[in-house]
Amino acid sequence: MKRIRGEIYLNYVTIMLKIVGDLCNMSCYYCYEERKDMSSEREVFCSSRDVIEFLNGYKDYLSVFIVFHGGEPLLADKKVICEILEFLDKNFINNYNIQFQTNGTLLDHEWINIFNKYSSKISLSISLDPIGDFDLRRSNSFKYRERVIENLKLINKSKIKNIGIISVAHKYNINYFEAFTNELITLGIKNLTINKYRTQNLYNDKYYISEEEYNNMLKKLIVHLIKEKIYRNINIQPIISLLSNNPNRLCTYLADTYKCKYFKVFYNKNNYRDYCNHLKDEVRSVDLKCLKCDIYNWCGSGCLAEKKDRTFCTSRRNLKLFLEEIKNENR
């Protein structure tokens, strides 16, 4: 590790490639990526040459995690993706891994054949929520949920072993994650990530849930996993990280003032960010009150791009105590 001009540079990095910008084939009721509808004028996607030129600067890093993101990354030209994957395969000699963050609706045999060629390095993270009282994910022109589930069955037959679901907990589905977990297990899914609905309009957003509501959902889910003895069938984030002793946890719990700088975001050769995409302007500092808190090393002050609601500190402290009790009971 070394410091240059007051900033910290490490030998590991997460690179988000948004080569289709924020274009998407879905019309969800919420979107974190300032999505452009498919009916709008088609964006000019960047070339494989531009992406490769950017990635070339990281080929000597000890550990690189590359995420094809969007919008919907499978809207990209398959030839462009193939050229990028081939470059990585031939030039990244150290530890690197690739993830496609996709809504799962465009997966087909061609994509699967491409992924199979590099299956030891590729993982798929597919967006899907519990239906709950109201499903915020939607499409205007097709039954997206049925398509995703059929594609999950298709991809489960591929060589890719690391396939997961990423979900967002919000007001209308927060009580349905236990049943959803059971559904995913029947589909052969072994990895699930549950993020909290993100908004800057605290208490004035109809989909919003507080940190306390989110943490209470995690507690109920942990009890369900233990009671039904299905914790060995599926890994759930952030639960698996919070119950482990691994210090390299999710960034929302990572006590590191530089954590937002471990991300690089590439749109095209004229547009890239030297920090996490969740930040819209610049890297923020950890609140001094958090740095002085006795559980900061465990809590990490949450995501620095988000405002903290009035329940944040108390509910995180309570979650920590709950997890300690769970660990003690299961030793």
Protein backbone atom coordinates (compact mmCIF):
# COMPACT_ATOMS: atom_id res chain seq x y z
CA MET A 1 0.00 0.00 0.00
CA LYS A 2 1.28 3.50 -0.82
CA ARG A 3 0.08 7.08 -0.66
CA ILE A 4 0.35 9.54 -3.54
CA ARG A 5 -0.73 13.19 -3.17
CA GLY A 6 -2.66 12.41 -0.03
CA GLU A 7 -4.73 9.60 -1.57
CA ILE A 8 -4.43 5.91 -1.00
CA TYR A 9 -3.76 3.47 -3.85
CA LEU A 10 -4.07 -0.25 -3.29
CA ASN A 11 -3.26 -3.35 -5.25
CA TYR A 12 -6.92 -4.29 -5.49
CA VAL A 13 -9.84 -2.53 -7.11
CA THR A 14 -13.45 -2.99 -8.21
CA ILE A 15 -14.10 -1.71 -11.73
CA MET A 16 -17.65 -1.09 -12.91
CA LEU A 17 -17.98 -1.12 -16.69
CA LYS A 18 -21.13 0.73 -17.76
CA ILE A 19 -20.52 0.36 -21.48
CA VAL A 20 -24.22 0.68 -22.35
CA GLY A 21 -24.59 3.66 -20.04
CA ASP A 22 -27.85 3.48 -18.11
CA LEU A 23 -29.91 2.06 -20.97
CA CYS A 24 -32.29 -0.73 -19.90
CA ASN A 25 -35.08 -2.88 -21.35
CA MET A 26 -37.06 -2.74 -18.10
CA SER A 27 -39.38 -0.04 -16.73
CA CYS A 28 -39.10 -0.52 -12.98
CA TYR A 29 -40.85 1.83 -10.56
CA TYR A 30 -37.49 2.62 -9.01
CA CYS A 31 -34.01 2.72 -10.45
CA TYR A 32 -30.69 3.78 -8.93
CA GLU A 33 -29.00 4.32 -12.27
CA GLU A 34 -30.91 7.26 -13.81
CA ARG A 35 -32.20 4.81 -16.38
CA LYS A 36 -32.95 5.80 -19.98
CA ASP A 37 -35.95 4.02 -21.48
CA MET A 38 -35.43 1.88 -24.56
CA SER A 39 -37.86 4.09 -26.44
CA SER A 40 -35.48 7.03 -26.12
CA GLU A 41 -32.75 7.71 -28.64
CA ARG A 42 -30.18 4.93 -28.54
CA GLU A 43 -26.97 5.84 -26.82
CA VAL A 44 -23.61 5.46 -28.52
CA PHE A 45 -21.98 2.53 -26.77
CA CYS A 46 -18.25 2.60 -26.23
CA SER A 47 -16.00 0.30 -28.25
CA SER A 48 -14.05 -2.68 -26.98
CA ARG A 49 -10.89 -0.76 -27.84
CA ASP A 50 -11.81 2.02 -25.39
CA VAL A 51 -12.63 -0.48 -22.62
CA ILE A 52 -9.43 -2.45 -23.18
CA GLU A 53 -7.34 0.72 -23.13
CA PHE A 54 -8.88 1.60 -19.76
CA LEU A 55 -8.50 -1.91 -18.30
CA ASN A 56 -4.89 -2.10 -19.44
CA GLY A 57 -3.95 0.23 -16.58
CA TYR A 58 -5.04 -2.37 -14.02
CA LYS A 59 -3.61 -5.60 -15.43
CA ASP A 60 -0.75 -5.68 -12.91
CA TYR A 61 -2.98 -5.24 -9.84
CA LEU A 62 -2.94 -8.16 -7.42
CA SER A 63 -6.74 -8.40 -7.30
CA VAL A 64 -9.30 -6.94 -9.70
CA PHE A 65 -13.06 -7.39 -9.59
CA ILE A 66 -14.71 -6.31 -12.85
CA VAL A 67 -18.47 -5.74 -12.93
CA PHE A 68 -20.37 -5.32 -16.20
CA HIS A 69 -23.14 -3.00 -15.09
CA GLY A 70 -25.82 -0.77 -16.53
CA GLY A 71 -28.63 -0.16 -17.17
CA GLU A 72 -28.65 -3.64 -18.61
CA PRO A 73 -25.17 -4.82 -19.73
CA LEU A 74 -26.53 -7.61 -21.95
CA LEU A 75 -27.78 -4.91 -24.32
CA ALA A 76 -24.14 -4.62 -25.38
CA ASP A 77 -22.89 -6.12 -28.62
CA LYS A 78 -21.82 -9.71 -27.98
CA LYS A 79 -18.72 -9.21 -30.10
CA VAL A 80 -17.61 -6.30 -27.92
CA ILE A 81 -18.07 -8.37 -24.76
CA CYS A 82 -16.16 -11.29 -26.29
CA GLU A 83 -13.21 -9.06 -27.20
CA ILE A 84 -13.07 -7.65 -23.66
CA LEU A 85 -13.28 -11.10 -22.05
CA GLU A 86 -10.55 -12.41 -24.34
CA PHE A 87 -8.29 -9.49 -23.44
CA LEU A 88 -8.78 -10.17 -19.73
CA ASP A 89 -8.10 -13.87 -20.19
CA LYS A 90 -4.80 -13.26 -21.99
CA ASN A 91 -3.48 -10.25 -20.10
CA PHE A 92 -4.65 -10.31 -16.47
CA ILE A 93 -2.19 -12.74 -14.91
CA ASN A 94 -3.03 -12.08 -11.24
CA ASN A 95 -6.26 -12.67 -9.35
CA TYR A 96 -9.24 -11.27 -11.25
CA ASN A 97 -12.93 -12.07 -11.38
CA ILE A 98 -15.79 -10.88 -13.57
CA GLN A 99 -19.43 -10.35 -12.71
CA PHE A 100 -22.38 -9.47 -14.90
CA GLN A 101 -25.02 -7.52 -12.98
CA THR A 102 -28.10 -8.20 -15.11
CA ASN A 103 -31.88 -8.25 -14.88
CA GLY A 104 -31.70 -11.73 -16.41
CA THR A 105 -34.29 -11.18 -19.13
CA LEU A 106 -31.86 -11.27 -22.06
CA LEU A 107 -29.95 -14.42 -21.14
CA ASP A 108 -29.98 -16.86 -24.05
CA HIS A 109 -27.93 -19.75 -25.43
CA GLU A 110 -25.50 -17.39 -27.17
CA TRP A 111 -24.73 -15.50 -23.96
CA ILE A 112 -24.41 -18.74 -22.04
CA ASN A 113 -21.94 -20.13 -24.58
CA ILE A 114 -19.85 -16.96 -24.21
CA PHE A 115 -19.90 -17.21 -20.43
CA ASN A 116 -19.10 -20.92 -20.50
CA LYS A 117 -15.79 -20.22 -22.22
CA TYR A 118 -14.66 -18.13 -19.23
CA SER A 119 -16.77 -19.84 -16.58
CA SER A 120 -13.97 -20.16 -14.01
CA LYS A 121 -13.80 -16.36 -13.80
CA ILE A 122 -17.42 -15.33 -14.39
CA SER A 123 -20.30 -14.93 -11.97
CA LEU A 124 -23.84 -13.76 -12.65
CA SER A 125 -25.81 -11.50 -10.32
CA ILE A 126 -29.45 -11.42 -11.42
CA SER A 127 -31.95 -8.85 -10.15
CA LEU A 128 -35.15 -10.30 -8.71
CA ASP A 129 -37.30 -9.31 -5.73
CA PRO A 130 -40.07 -11.04 -3.84
CA ILE A 131 -43.41 -10.09 -5.41
CA GLY A 132 -44.72 -9.07 -2.01
CA ASP A 133 -47.75 -6.79 -1.95
CA PHE A 134 -46.48 -4.95 -5.00
CA ASP A 135 -43.56 -5.76 -7.31
CA LEU A 136 -41.57 -2.64 -8.16
CA ARG A 137 -39.70 -4.41 -10.95
CA ARG A 138 -41.63 -4.49 -14.22
CA SER A 139 -41.56 -4.47 -17.99
CA ASN A 140 -43.99 -2.80 -20.34
CA SER A 141 -43.88 -5.46 -23.05
CA PHE A 142 -43.30 -8.91 -21.52
CA LYS A 143 -43.80 -10.95 -18.37
CA TYR A 144 -40.39 -10.33 -16.97
CA ARG A 145 -40.63 -12.54 -13.87
CA GLU A 146 -41.59 -15.66 -15.80
CA ARG A 147 -38.77 -14.98 -18.25
CA VAL A 148 -36.18 -14.54 -15.50
CA ILE A 149 -37.21 -17.77 -13.77
CA GLU A 150 -37.03 -19.70 -17.06
CA ASN A 151 -33.60 -18.22 -17.72
CA LEU A 152 -32.47 -19.19 -14.22
CA LYS A 153 -33.35 -22.79 -15.04
CA LEU A 154 -31.42 -22.44 -18.30
CA ILE A 155 -28.30 -20.90 -16.74
CA ASN A 156 -28.27 -23.50 -13.96
CA LYS A 157 -27.38 -26.05 -16.64
CA SER A 158 -24.32 -24.05 -17.71
CA LYS A 159 -20.71 -24.33 -16.54
CA ILE A 160 -21.09 -21.19 -14.41
CA LYS A 161 -21.10 -22.14 -10.76
CA ASN A 162 -21.41 -18.72 -9.15
CA ILE A 163 -24.96 -17.58 -9.85
CA GLY A 164 -26.77 -15.31 -7.44
CA ILE A 165 -29.82 -13.12 -6.98
CA ILE A 166 -29.67 -9.50 -5.87
CA SER A 167 -32.81 -8.07 -4.29
CA VAL A 168 -33.94 -4.75 -2.89
CA ALA A 169 -35.97 -4.69 0.32
CA HIS A 170 -38.66 -2.01 0.29
CA LYS A 171 -41.98 -1.22 1.95
CA TYR A 172 -44.04 -3.62 -0.17
CA ASN A 173 -41.86 -6.74 0.02
CA ILE A 174 -40.01 -6.59 3.35
CA ASN A 175 -42.23 -9.26 4.93
CA TYR A 176 -41.76 -11.80 2.14
CA PHE A 177 -38.07 -12.68 2.17
CA GLU A 178 -38.49 -15.90 4.13
CA ALA A 179 -40.81 -17.36 1.48
CA PHE A 180 -38.63 -15.88 -1.28
CA THR A 181 -35.56 -17.60 0.15
CA ASN A 182 -37.40 -20.93 0.07
CA GLU A 183 -38.42 -20.28 -3.55
CA LEU A 184 -34.84 -19.58 -4.59
CA ILE A 185 -33.60 -22.77 -2.96
CA THR A 186 -36.10 -24.79 -5.02
CA LEU A 187 -34.66 -23.08 -8.13
CA GLY A 188 -31.15 -24.16 -7.18
CA ILE A 189 -29.94 -20.67 -6.26
CA LYS A 190 -27.21 -20.70 -3.63
CA ASN A 191 -26.46 -16.98 -3.28
CA LEU A 192 -28.74 -14.06 -2.43
CA THR A 193 -27.90 -10.43 -1.67
CA ILE A 194 -30.54 -8.25 -0.04
CA ASN A 195 -29.94 -4.51 -0.21
CA LYS A 196 -32.01 -1.85 1.49
CA TYR A 197 -34.02 0.45 -0.76
CA ARG A 198 -31.91 3.57 -1.24
CA THR A 199 -33.32 7.08 -1.33
CA GLN A 200 -32.38 10.62 -0.38
CA ASN A 201 -35.99 11.45 0.53
CA LEU A 202 -36.12 9.90 3.98
CA TYR A 203 -39.65 9.56 5.38
CA ASN A 204 -41.12 11.07 2.21
CA ASP A 205 -40.79 8.15 -0.18
CA LYS A 206 -43.57 5.57 -0.39
CA TYR A 207 -41.11 2.70 -0.97
CA TYR A 208 -38.72 3.66 1.83
CA ILE A 209 -37.90 1.46 4.83
CA SER A 210 -35.83 2.56 7.81
CA GLU A 211 -32.56 1.01 8.90
CA GLU A 212 -34.46 -0.48 11.85
CA GLU A 213 -37.03 -2.14 9.56
CA TYR A 214 -34.26 -3.52 7.36
CA ASN A 215 -32.30 -4.87 10.32
CA ASN A 216 -35.42 -6.44 11.85
CA MET A 217 -36.02 -8.20 8.53
CA LEU A 218 -32.47 -9.59 8.64
CA LYS A 219 -33.02 -10.84 12.20
CA LYS A 220 -36.24 -12.65 11.22
CA LEU A 221 -34.51 -14.19 8.23
CA ILE A 222 -31.60 -15.44 10.34
CA VAL A 223 -34.02 -17.09 12.77
CA HIS A 224 -35.85 -18.65 9.80
CA LEU A 225 -32.61 -20.01 8.31
CA ILE A 226 -31.64 -21.60 11.62
CA LYS A 227 -35.09 -22.89 12.54
CA GLU A 228 -35.67 -24.51 9.14
CA LYS A 229 -32.02 -25.63 8.93
CA ILE A 230 -31.59 -24.22 5.45
CA TYR A 231 -28.60 -21.96 6.17
CA ARG A 232 -26.37 -24.51 4.43
CA ASN A 233 -28.47 -24.35 1.26
CA ILE A 234 -28.11 -20.64 0.55
CA ASN A 235 -25.63 -17.86 1.35
CA ILE A 236 -27.33 -14.56 2.08
CA GLN A 237 -25.58 -11.21 2.13
CA PRO A 238 -25.17 -9.25 4.31
CA ILE A 239 -25.92 -12.07 6.77
CA ILE A 240 -23.00 -14.31 5.79
CA SER A 241 -20.51 -11.42 6.12
CA LEU A 242 -21.92 -10.17 9.39
CA LEU A 243 -21.70 -13.62 10.95
CA SER A 244 -18.17 -14.25 9.70
CA ASN A 245 -14.91 -13.06 11.23
CA ASN A 246 -13.59 -11.88 7.87
CA PRO A 247 -12.54 -8.22 8.14
CA ASN A 248 -13.01 -7.66 4.38
CA ARG A 249 -16.77 -7.34 4.61
CA LEU A 250 -19.29 -5.52 2.45
CA CYS A 251 -18.51 -1.84 2.02
CA THR A 252 -21.70 -0.82 3.86
CA TYR A 253 -20.12 -2.29 7.02
CA LEU A 254 -16.46 -1.69 6.21
CA ALA A 255 -14.65 0.63 8.63
CA ASP A 256 -12.38 2.31 6.10
CA THR A 257 -12.45 6.00 5.32
CA TYR A 258 -11.12 5.27 1.81
CA LYS A 259 -13.67 2.58 0.90
CA CYS A 260 -15.39 4.67 -1.79
CA LYS A 261 -12.05 4.98 -3.59
CA TYR A 262 -11.72 1.24 -4.14
CA PHE A 263 -14.21 1.57 -7.02
CA LYS A 264 -13.61 2.85 -10.53
CA VAL A 265 -16.55 3.46 -12.88
CA PHE A 266 -16.07 3.50 -16.66
CA TYR A 267 -18.73 4.79 -19.07
CA ASN A 268 -16.50 5.67 -22.02
CA LYS A 269 -13.03 7.09 -22.63
CA ASN A 270 -14.28 10.61 -21.87
CA ASN A 271 -16.39 9.71 -18.86
CA TYR A 272 -15.17 7.72 -15.89
CA ARG A 273 -15.18 8.16 -12.13
CA ASP A 274 -12.43 7.56 -9.64
CA TYR A 275 -14.89 6.58 -6.91
CA CYS A 276 -18.05 4.55 -6.29
CA ASN A 277 -20.95 5.12 -8.68
CA HIS A 278 -23.37 5.64 -5.78
CA LEU A 279 -21.71 9.00 -5.16
CA LYS A 280 -23.05 11.59 -7.56
CA ASP A 281 -20.43 14.28 -7.06
CA GLU A 282 -17.42 13.58 -4.84
CA VAL A 283 -16.13 11.23 -2.17
CA ARG A 284 -17.56 12.03 1.24
CA SER A 285 -15.84 11.73 4.59
CA VAL A 286 -16.95 9.54 7.45
CA ASP A 287 -18.76 11.57 10.09
CA LEU A 288 -16.51 12.40 13.04
CA LYS A 289 -19.21 11.10 15.39
CA CYS A 290 -19.00 7.72 13.66
CA LEU A 291 -15.21 7.58 13.93
CA LYS A 292 -15.49 8.06 17.69
CA CYS A 293 -18.27 5.46 18.11
CA ASP A 294 -17.35 2.30 20.03
CA ILE A 295 -18.85 0.04 17.31
CA TYR A 296 -17.42 1.92 14.30
CA ASN A 297 -14.99 -0.92 13.52
CA TRP A 298 -17.98 -3.22 13.14
CA CYS A 299 -20.54 -0.79 11.66
CA GLY A 300 -18.32 1.13 9.26
CA SER A 301 -20.80 4.07 9.13
CA GLY A 302 -22.86 2.50 6.35
CA CYS A 303 -22.84 3.69 2.75
CA LEU A 304 -21.34 7.18 2.56
CA ALA A 305 -23.65 8.06 -0.33
CA GLU A 306 -26.77 7.64 1.81
CA LYS A 307 -28.36 9.78 4.47
CA LYS A 308 -28.79 8.07 7.83
CA ASP A 309 -32.27 7.97 9.29
CA ARG A 310 -32.98 8.48 12.97
CA THR A 311 -33.00 4.71 13.64
CA PHE A 312 -29.59 4.00 12.09
CA CYS A 313 -27.27 4.01 15.12
CA THR A 314 -29.58 2.30 17.62
CA SER A 315 -30.72 -0.40 15.21
CA ARG A 316 -27.18 -1.22 14.08
CA ARG A 317 -26.10 -1.51 17.70
CA ASN A 318 -29.05 -3.82 18.38
CA LEU A 319 -28.21 -5.89 15.30
CA LYS A 320 -24.65 -6.34 16.55
CA LEU A 321 -25.90 -7.58 19.93
CA PHE A 322 -28.34 -9.93 18.21
CA LEU A 323 -25.58 -11.42 16.04
CA GLU A 324 -23.35 -11.95 19.07
CA GLU A 325 -26.18 -13.85 20.77
CA ILE A 326 -26.68 -16.00 17.68
CA LYS A 327 -22.98 -16.83 17.53
CA ASN A 328 -22.89 -17.75 21.24
CA GLU A 329 -25.97 -19.96 20.95
CA ASN A 330 -24.55 -21.88 17.99
CA ARG A 331 -21.02 -22.50 19.19
